[in-house]
Amino acid sequence: MCLGIPGKIIAISHEEHRLGIVEVSGVKREINLACIVDANHNLAECVGDWVLVHVGFAMARINEEEAERTLSLLRELGDAADLGEVS
């Protein structure tokens, strides 16, 4: 099973390698954007997009509502784990 974490692309860091900076809950990381770039959505247009991030790659673009719902669920799971409710 794979887990994609929602993040927002805030900058392009290396055009040639299709790398960008994504922010996930205040943490910024460089990720590969090659999987979400195509003839209809170029690299520069990715800034501001919400994406699902998995092992350093943006796997898919998602809308902001879906991103917020997923982040909320992940926070709830983290809170439950902190309380010992998830093993």
PDB file of N, CA and C in Angstrom:
ATOM      1  N   MET A   1       0.842  -1.175   0.000  1.00  0.00           N
ATOM      2  CA  MET A   1       0.000   0.000   0.000  1.00  0.00           C
ATOM      3  C   MET A   1       0.890   1.241   0.000  1.00  0.00           C
ATOM      4  N   CYS A   2       0.482   2.230  -0.768  1.00  0.00           N
ATOM      5  CA  CYS A   2       1.228   3.482  -0.849  1.00  0.00           C
ATOM      6  C   CYS A   2       0.452   4.594  -0.167  1.00  0.00           C
ATOM      7  N   LEU A   3       1.170   5.499   0.435  1.00  0.00           N
ATOM      8  CA  LEU A   3       0.539   6.642   1.075  1.00  0.00           C
ATOM      9  C   LEU A   3       1.044   7.913   0.419  1.00  0.00           C
ATOM     10  N   GLY A   4       0.123   8.672  -0.144  1.00  0.00           N
ATOM     11  CA  GLY A   4       0.470   9.959  -0.721  1.00  0.00           C
ATOM     12  C   GLY A   4       0.083  11.053   0.254  1.00  0.00           C
ATOM     13  N   ILE A   5       0.991  11.950   0.524  1.00  0.00           N
ATOM     14  CA  ILE A   5       0.760  13.051   1.443  1.00  0.00           C
ATOM     15  C   ILE A   5       0.484  14.319   0.632  1.00  0.00           C
ATOM     16  N   PRO A   6      -0.604  15.032   0.924  1.00  0.00           N
ATOM     17  CA  PRO A   6      -0.877  16.267   0.181  1.00  0.00           C
ATOM     18  C   PRO A   6       0.130  17.362   0.503  1.00  0.00           C
ATOM     19  N   GLY A   7       0.565  18.063  -0.532  1.00  0.00           N
ATOM     20  CA  GLY A   7       1.461  19.194  -0.377  1.00  0.00           C
ATOM     21  C   GLY A   7       1.175  20.220  -1.451  1.00  0.00           C
ATOM     22  N   LYS A   8       1.580  21.453  -1.196  1.00  0.00           N
ATOM     23  CA  LYS A   8       1.361  22.531  -2.158  1.00  0.00           C
ATOM     24  C   LYS A   8       2.694  22.937  -2.770  1.00  0.00           C
ATOM     25  N   ILE A   9       2.755  22.978  -4.087  1.00  0.00           N
ATOM     26  CA  ILE A   9       3.973  23.383  -4.788  1.00  0.00           C
ATOM     27  C   ILE A   9       4.113  24.892  -4.649  1.00  0.00           C
ATOM     28  N   ILE A  10       5.260  25.316  -4.094  1.00  0.00           N
ATOM     29  CA  ILE A  10       5.446  26.749  -3.850  1.00  0.00           C
ATOM     30  C   ILE A  10       6.508  27.377  -4.748  1.00  0.00           C
ATOM     31  N   ALA A  11       7.318  26.540  -5.408  1.00  0.00           N
ATOM     32  CA  ALA A  11       8.359  27.084  -6.289  1.00  0.00           C
ATOM     33  C   ALA A  11       8.914  25.992  -7.193  1.00  0.00           C
ATOM     34  N   ILE A  12       9.484  26.406  -8.302  1.00  0.00           N
ATOM     35  CA  ILE A  12      10.238  25.511  -9.179  1.00  0.00           C
ATOM     36  C   ILE A  12      11.709  25.713  -8.820  1.00  0.00           C
ATOM     37  N   SER A  13      12.405  24.629  -8.495  1.00  0.00           N
ATOM     38  CA  SER A  13      13.800  24.755  -8.061  1.00  0.00           C
ATOM     39  C   SER A  13      14.805  24.399  -9.148  1.00  0.00           C
ATOM     40  N   HIS A  14      14.425  23.540 -10.094  1.00  0.00           N
ATOM     41  CA  HIS A  14      15.351  23.154 -11.158  1.00  0.00           C
ATOM     42  C   HIS A  14      14.521  22.735 -12.377  1.00  0.00           C
ATOM     43  N   GLU A  15      14.430  23.631 -13.348  1.00  0.00           N
ATOM     44  CA  GLU A  15      13.582  23.373 -14.524  1.00  0.00           C
ATOM     45  C   GLU A  15      14.028  22.152 -15.318  1.00  0.00           C
ATOM     46  N   GLU A  16      15.312  22.050 -15.600  1.00  0.00           N
ATOM     47  CA  GLU A  16      15.812  20.956 -16.435  1.00  0.00           C
ATOM     48  C   GLU A  16      15.492  19.582 -15.842  1.00  0.00           C
ATOM     49  N   HIS A  17      15.580  19.461 -14.531  1.00  0.00           N
ATOM     50  CA  HIS A  17      15.309  18.181 -13.865  1.00  0.00           C
ATOM     51  C   HIS A  17      13.869  18.051 -13.381  1.00  0.00           C
ATOM     52  N   ARG A  18      13.061  19.081 -13.665  1.00  0.00           N
ATOM     53  CA  ARG A  18      11.647  19.101 -13.278  1.00  0.00           C
ATOM     54  C   ARG A  18      11.465  18.929 -11.770  1.00  0.00           C
ATOM     55  N   LEU A  19      12.203  19.723 -11.012  1.00  0.00           N
ATOM     56  CA  LEU A  19      12.137  19.686  -9.559  1.00  0.00           C
ATOM     57  C   LEU A  19      11.432  20.931  -9.042  1.00  0.00           C
ATOM     58  N   GLY A  20      10.712  20.754  -7.944  1.00  0.00           N
ATOM     59  CA  GLY A  20      10.045  21.871  -7.316  1.00  0.00           C
ATOM     60  C   GLY A  20      10.072  21.742  -5.813  1.00  0.00           C
ATOM     61  N   ILE A  21       9.697  22.824  -5.151  1.00  0.00           N
ATOM     62  CA  ILE A  21       9.616  22.831  -3.693  1.00  0.00           C
ATOM     63  C   ILE A  21       8.152  22.693  -3.312  1.00  0.00           C
ATOM     64  N   VAL A  22       7.874  21.735  -2.452  1.00  0.00           N
ATOM     65  CA  VAL A  22       6.519  21.512  -1.966  1.00  0.00           C
ATOM     66  C   VAL A  22       6.505  21.751  -0.465  1.00  0.00           C
ATOM     67  N   GLU A  23       5.403  22.304   0.016  1.00  0.00           N
ATOM     68  CA  GLU A  23       5.233  22.525   1.450  1.00  0.00           C
ATOM     69  C   GLU A  23       4.142  21.597   1.956  1.00  0.00           C
ATOM     70  N   VAL A  24       4.497  20.837   2.984  1.00  0.00           N
ATOM     71  CA  VAL A  24       3.556  19.914   3.634  1.00  0.00           C
ATOM     72  C   VAL A  24       3.531  20.259   5.113  1.00  0.00           C
ATOM     73  N   SER A  25       2.427  20.817   5.561  1.00  0.00           N
ATOM     74  CA  SER A  25       2.265  21.182   6.977  1.00  0.00           C
ATOM     75  C   SER A  25       3.442  22.010   7.495  1.00  0.00           C
ATOM     76  N   GLY A  26       3.876  22.971   6.712  1.00  0.00           N
ATOM     77  CA  GLY A  26       4.948  23.861   7.130  1.00  0.00           C
ATOM     78  C   GLY A  26       6.355  23.380   6.817  1.00  0.00           C
ATOM     79  N   VAL A  27       6.497  22.136   6.383  1.00  0.00           N
ATOM     80  CA  VAL A  27       7.808  21.572   6.046  1.00  0.00           C
ATOM     81  C   VAL A  27       7.991  21.653   4.535  1.00  0.00           C
ATOM     82  N   LYS A  28       9.138  22.190   4.101  1.00  0.00           N
ATOM     83  CA  LYS A  28       9.421  22.343   2.678  1.00  0.00           C
ATOM     84  C   LYS A  28      10.434  21.307   2.222  1.00  0.00           C
ATOM     85  N   ARG A  29      10.141  20.692   1.086  1.00  0.00           N
ATOM     86  CA  ARG A  29      11.018  19.662   0.518  1.00  0.00           C
ATOM     87  C   ARG A  29      11.090  19.819  -0.987  1.00  0.00           C
ATOM     88  N   GLU A  30      12.205  19.387  -1.555  1.00  0.00           N
ATOM     89  CA  GLU A  30      12.322  19.357  -3.004  1.00  0.00           C
ATOM     90  C   GLU A  30      11.798  18.010  -3.496  1.00  0.00           C
ATOM     91  N   ILE A  31      10.940  18.058  -4.514  1.00  0.00           N
ATOM     92  CA  ILE A  31      10.379  16.829  -5.073  1.00  0.00           C
ATOM     93  C   ILE A  31      10.451  16.875  -6.593  1.00  0.00           C
ATOM     94  N   ASN A  32      10.270  15.722  -7.197  1.00  0.00           N
ATOM     95  CA  ASN A  32      10.256  15.594  -8.640  1.00  0.00           C
ATOM     96  C   ASN A  32       8.827  15.794  -9.146  1.00  0.00           C
ATOM     97  N   LEU A  33       8.675  16.663 -10.147  1.00  0.00           N
ATOM     98  CA  LEU A  33       7.354  17.001 -10.683  1.00  0.00           C
ATOM     99  C   LEU A  33       7.083  16.353 -12.043  1.00  0.00           C
ATOM    100  N   ALA A  34       7.972  15.520 -12.528  1.00  0.00           N
ATOM    101  CA  ALA A  34       7.860  14.964 -13.880  1.00  0.00           C
ATOM    102  C   ALA A  34       6.545  14.231 -14.128  1.00  0.00           C
ATOM    103  N   CYS A  35       5.987  13.585 -13.117  1.00  0.00           N
ATOM    104  CA  CYS A  35       4.763  12.803 -13.304  1.00  0.00           C
ATOM    105  C   CYS A  35       3.517  13.663 -13.506  1.00  0.00           C
ATOM    106  N   ILE A  36       3.584  14.944 -13.176  1.00  0.00           N
ATOM    107  CA  ILE A  36       2.392  15.787 -13.305  1.00  0.00           C
ATOM    108  C   ILE A  36       2.518  16.843 -14.401  1.00  0.00           C
ATOM    109  N   VAL A  37       3.638  16.824 -15.119  1.00  0.00           N
ATOM    110  CA  VAL A  37       3.863  17.789 -16.196  1.00  0.00           C
ATOM    111  C   VAL A  37       3.505  17.122 -17.522  1.00  0.00           C
ATOM    112  N   ASP A  38       2.728  17.835 -18.335  1.00  0.00           N
ATOM    113  CA  ASP A  38       2.406  17.329 -19.670  1.00  0.00           C
ATOM    114  C   ASP A  38       2.170  18.507 -20.609  1.00  0.00           C
ATOM    115  N   ALA A  39       1.741  18.218 -21.812  1.00  0.00           N
ATOM    116  CA  ALA A  39       1.548  19.265 -22.817  1.00  0.00           C
ATOM    117  C   ALA A  39       0.476  20.272 -22.410  1.00  0.00           C
ATOM    118  N   ASN A  40      -0.473  19.867 -21.575  1.00  0.00           N
ATOM    119  CA  ASN A  40      -1.554  20.747 -21.141  1.00  0.00           C
ATOM    120  C   ASN A  40      -1.269  21.481 -19.838  1.00  0.00           C
ATOM    121  N   HIS A  41      -0.225  21.083 -19.136  1.00  0.00           N
ATOM    122  CA  HIS A  41       0.092  21.678 -17.827  1.00  0.00           C
ATOM    123  C   HIS A  41       1.609  21.700 -17.688  1.00  0.00           C
ATOM    124  N   ASN A  42       2.232  22.820 -18.089  1.00  0.00           N
ATOM    125  CA  ASN A  42       3.691  22.874 -18.077  1.00  0.00           C
ATOM    126  C   ASN A  42       4.234  23.108 -16.665  1.00  0.00           C
ATOM    127  N   LEU A  43       5.530  23.051 -16.545  1.00  0.00           N
ATOM    128  CA  LEU A  43       6.203  23.129 -15.247  1.00  0.00           C
ATOM    129  C   LEU A  43       5.879  24.417 -14.502  1.00  0.00           C
ATOM    130  N   ALA A  44       5.922  25.551 -15.190  1.00  0.00           N
ATOM    131  CA  ALA A  44       5.656  26.833 -14.534  1.00  0.00           C
ATOM    132  C   ALA A  44       4.240  26.906 -13.967  1.00  0.00           C
ATOM    133  N   GLU A  45       3.302  26.233 -14.610  1.00  0.00           N
ATOM    134  CA  GLU A  45       1.910  26.235 -14.150  1.00  0.00           C
ATOM    135  C   GLU A  45       1.702  25.391 -12.891  1.00  0.00           C
ATOM    136  N   CYS A  46       2.690  24.628 -12.486  1.00  0.00           N
ATOM    137  CA  CYS A  46       2.562  23.766 -11.308  1.00  0.00           C
ATOM    138  C   CYS A  46       2.595  24.547  -9.997  1.00  0.00           C
ATOM    139  N   VAL A  47       3.212  25.714  -9.998  1.00  0.00           N
ATOM    140  CA  VAL A  47       3.289  26.512  -8.769  1.00  0.00           C
ATOM    141  C   VAL A  47       1.870  26.862  -8.328  1.00  0.00           C
ATOM    142  N   GLY A  48       1.571  26.531  -7.079  1.00  0.00           N
ATOM    143  CA  GLY A  48       0.240  26.747  -6.526  1.00  0.00           C
ATOM    144  C   GLY A  48      -0.627  25.501  -6.537  1.00  0.00           C
ATOM    145  N   ASP A  49      -0.213  24.466  -7.283  1.00  0.00           N
ATOM    146  CA  ASP A  49      -0.977  23.215  -7.334  1.00  0.00           C
ATOM    147  C   ASP A  49      -0.833  22.435  -6.035  1.00  0.00           C
ATOM    148  N   TRP A  50      -1.900  21.749  -5.668  1.00  0.00           N
ATOM    149  CA  TRP A  50      -1.857  20.758  -4.596  1.00  0.00           C
ATOM    150  C   TRP A  50      -1.599  19.409  -5.246  1.00  0.00           C
ATOM    151  N   VAL A  51      -0.705  18.624  -4.657  1.00  0.00           N
ATOM    152  CA  VAL A  51      -0.335  17.328  -5.225  1.00  0.00           C
ATOM    153  C   VAL A  51      -0.249  16.279  -4.129  1.00  0.00           C
ATOM    154  N   LEU A  52      -0.341  15.016  -4.543  1.00  0.00           N
ATOM    155  CA  LEU A  52      -0.058  13.910  -3.632  1.00  0.00           C
ATOM    156  C   LEU A  52       1.413  13.551  -3.803  1.00  0.00           C
ATOM    157  N   VAL A  53       2.160  13.573  -2.710  1.00  0.00           N
ATOM    158  CA  VAL A  53       3.598  13.320  -2.728  1.00  0.00           C
ATOM    159  C   VAL A  53       3.864  11.926  -2.158  1.00  0.00           C
ATOM    160  N   HIS A  54       4.647  11.153  -2.910  1.00  0.00           N
ATOM    161  CA  HIS A  54       5.043   9.817  -2.463  1.00  0.00           C
ATOM    162  C   HIS A  54       6.505   9.615  -2.833  1.00  0.00           C
ATOM    163  N   VAL A  55       7.325   9.284  -1.871  1.00  0.00           N
ATOM    164  CA  VAL A  55       8.768   9.037  -1.998  1.00  0.00           C
ATOM    165  C   VAL A  55       9.472  10.039  -2.914  1.00  0.00           C
ATOM    166  N   GLY A  56       9.176  11.312  -2.692  1.00  0.00           N
ATOM    167  CA  GLY A  56       9.886  12.357  -3.409  1.00  0.00           C
ATOM    168  C   GLY A  56       9.339  12.717  -4.774  1.00  0.00           C
ATOM    169  N   PHE A  57       8.179  12.173  -5.134  1.00  0.00           N
ATOM    170  CA  PHE A  57       7.555  12.465  -6.414  1.00  0.00           C
ATOM    171  C   PHE A  57       6.140  12.989  -6.209  1.00  0.00           C
ATOM    172  N   ALA A  58       5.770  13.990  -7.009  1.00  0.00           N
ATOM    173  CA  ALA A  58       4.369  14.413  -7.071  1.00  0.00           C
ATOM    174  C   ALA A  58       3.684  13.412  -7.990  1.00  0.00           C
ATOM    175  N   MET A  59       2.770  12.622  -7.440  1.00  0.00           N
ATOM    176  CA  MET A  59       2.141  11.549  -8.206  1.00  0.00           C
ATOM    177  C   MET A  59       0.891  11.999  -8.957  1.00  0.00           C
ATOM    178  N   ALA A  60       0.175  12.977  -8.399  1.00  0.00           N
ATOM    179  CA  ALA A  60      -1.065  13.449  -9.027  1.00  0.00           C
ATOM    180  C   ALA A  60      -1.428  14.811  -8.470  1.00  0.00           C
ATOM    181  N   ARG A  61      -2.079  15.621  -9.298  1.00  0.00           N
ATOM    182  CA  ARG A  61      -2.638  16.883  -8.818  1.00  0.00           C
ATOM    183  C   ARG A  61      -3.979  16.587  -8.171  1.00  0.00           C
ATOM    184  N   ILE A  62      -4.279  17.302  -7.079  1.00  0.00           N
ATOM    185  CA  ILE A  62      -5.572  17.168  -6.402  1.00  0.00           C
ATOM    186  C   ILE A  62      -6.103  18.573  -6.131  1.00  0.00           C
ATOM    187  N   ASN A  63      -7.392  18.666  -5.813  1.00  0.00           N
ATOM    188  CA  ASN A  63      -7.930  19.989  -5.496  1.00  0.00           C
ATOM    189  C   ASN A  63      -7.695  20.301  -4.019  1.00  0.00           C
ATOM    190  N   GLU A  64      -7.820  21.566  -3.682  1.00  0.00           N
ATOM    191  CA  GLU A  64      -7.509  22.022  -2.326  1.00  0.00           C
ATOM    192  C   GLU A  64      -8.415  21.382  -1.278  1.00  0.00           C
ATOM    193  N   GLU A  65      -9.685  21.184  -1.604  1.00  0.00           N
ATOM    194  CA  GLU A  65     -10.611  20.569  -0.643  1.00  0.00           C
ATOM    195  C   GLU A  65     -10.184  19.148  -0.293  1.00  0.00           C
ATOM    196  N   GLU A  66      -9.803  18.389  -1.311  1.00  0.00           N
ATOM    197  CA  GLU A  66      -9.334  17.022  -1.072  1.00  0.00           C
ATOM    198  C   GLU A  66      -8.058  17.031  -0.237  1.00  0.00           C
ATOM    199  N   ALA A  67      -7.163  17.967  -0.525  1.00  0.00           N
ATOM    200  CA  ALA A  67      -5.923  18.074   0.239  1.00  0.00           C
ATOM    201  C   ALA A  67      -6.222  18.365   1.706  1.00  0.00           C
ATOM    202  N   GLU A  68      -7.110  19.316   1.971  1.00  0.00           N
ATOM    203  CA  GLU A  68      -7.452  19.672   3.356  1.00  0.00           C
ATOM    204  C   GLU A  68      -8.116  18.510   4.091  1.00  0.00           C
ATOM    205  N   ARG A  69      -9.012  17.787   3.421  1.00  0.00           N
ATOM    206  CA  ARG A  69      -9.655  16.617   4.059  1.00  0.00           C
ATOM    207  C   ARG A  69      -8.614  15.564   4.427  1.00  0.00           C
ATOM    208  N   THR A  70      -7.705  15.300   3.506  1.00  0.00           N
ATOM    209  CA  THR A  70      -6.679  14.282   3.753  1.00  0.00           C
ATOM    210  C   THR A  70      -5.736  14.706   4.873  1.00  0.00           C
ATOM    211  N   LEU A  71      -5.301  15.971   4.864  1.00  0.00           N
ATOM    212  CA  LEU A  71      -4.422  16.464   5.931  1.00  0.00           C
ATOM    213  C   LEU A  71      -5.121  16.399   7.289  1.00  0.00           C
ATOM    214  N   SER A  72      -6.408  16.701   7.321  1.00  0.00           N
ATOM    215  CA  SER A  72      -7.169  16.627   8.560  1.00  0.00           C
ATOM    216  C   SER A  72      -7.210  15.194   9.090  1.00  0.00           C
ATOM    217  N   LEU A  73      -7.471  14.244   8.201  1.00  0.00           N
ATOM    218  CA  LEU A  73      -7.488  12.834   8.612  1.00  0.00           C
ATOM    219  C   LEU A  73      -6.123  12.377   9.114  1.00  0.00           C
ATOM    220  N   LEU A  74      -5.062  12.815   8.440  1.00  0.00           N
ATOM    221  CA  LEU A  74      -3.713  12.438   8.881  1.00  0.00           C
ATOM    222  C   LEU A  74      -3.393  13.028  10.255  1.00  0.00           C
ATOM    223  N   ARG A  75      -3.848  14.266  10.501  1.00  0.00           N
ATOM    224  CA  ARG A  75      -3.653  14.867  11.837  1.00  0.00           C
ATOM    225  C   ARG A  75      -4.411  14.068  12.895  1.00  0.00           C
ATOM    226  N   GLU A  76      -5.635  13.664  12.580  1.00  0.00           N
ATOM    227  CA  GLU A  76      -6.424  12.862  13.525  1.00  0.00           C
ATOM    228  C   GLU A  76      -5.732  11.536  13.826  1.00  0.00           C
ATOM    229  N   LEU A  77      -5.203  10.889  12.805  1.00  0.00           N
ATOM    230  CA  LEU A  77      -4.477   9.640  13.018  1.00  0.00           C
ATOM    231  C   LEU A  77      -3.251   9.864  13.895  1.00  0.00           C
ATOM    232  N   GLY A  78      -2.549  10.969  13.661  1.00  0.00           N
ATOM    233  CA  GLY A  78      -1.382  11.299  14.486  1.00  0.00           C
ATOM    234  C   GLY A  78      -1.765  11.551  15.924  1.00  0.00           C
ATOM    235  N   ASP A  79      -2.885  12.255  16.148  1.00  0.00           N
ATOM    236  CA  ASP A  79      -3.359  12.507  17.510  1.00  0.00           C
ATOM    237  C   ASP A  79      -3.737  11.206  18.194  1.00  0.00           C
ATOM    238  N   ALA A  80      -4.400  10.305  17.465  1.00  0.00           N
ATOM    239  CA  ALA A  80      -4.796   9.018  18.033  1.00  0.00           C
ATOM    240  C   ALA A  80      -3.567   8.188  18.387  1.00  0.00           C
ATOM    241  N   ALA A  81      -2.556   8.223  17.532  1.00  0.00           N
ATOM    242  CA  ALA A  81      -1.314   7.478  17.811  1.00  0.00           C
ATOM    243  C   ALA A  81      -0.617   8.027  19.032  1.00  0.00           C
ATOM    244  N   ASP A  82      -0.642   9.362  19.186  1.00  0.00           N
ATOM    245  CA  ASP A  82      -0.027   9.991  20.359  1.00  0.00           C
ATOM    246  C   ASP A  82      -0.711   9.564  21.650  1.00  0.00           C
ATOM    247  N   LEU A  83      -2.010   9.257  21.554  1.00  0.00           N
ATOM    248  CA  LEU A  83      -2.774   8.842  22.728  1.00  0.00           C
ATOM    249  C   LEU A  83      -2.713   7.332  22.940  1.00  0.00           C
ATOM    250  N   GLY A  84      -2.018   6.625  22.072  1.00  0.00           N
ATOM    251  CA  GLY A  84      -1.904   5.179  22.212  1.00  0.00           C
ATOM    252  C   GLY A  84      -3.091   4.419  21.646  1.00  0.00           C
ATOM    253  N   GLU A  85      -3.920   5.086  20.839  1.00  0.00           N
ATOM    254  CA  GLU A  85      -5.116   4.443  20.309  1.00  0.00           C
ATOM    255  C   GLU A  85      -4.855   3.689  19.011  1.00  0.00           C
ATOM    256  N   VAL A  86      -3.713   3.912  18.382  1.00  0.00           N
ATOM    257  CA  VAL A  86      -3.371   3.219  17.162  1.00  0.00           C
ATOM    258  C   VAL A  86      -2.088   2.459  17.406  1.00  0.00           C
ATOM    259  N   SER A  87      -2.087   1.190  17.038  1.00  0.00           N
ATOM    260  CA  SER A  87      -0.865   0.393  17.269  1.00  0.00           C
ATOM    261  C   SER A  87      -0.060   0.241  16.031  1.00  0.00           C
TER     262      SER A  87
END
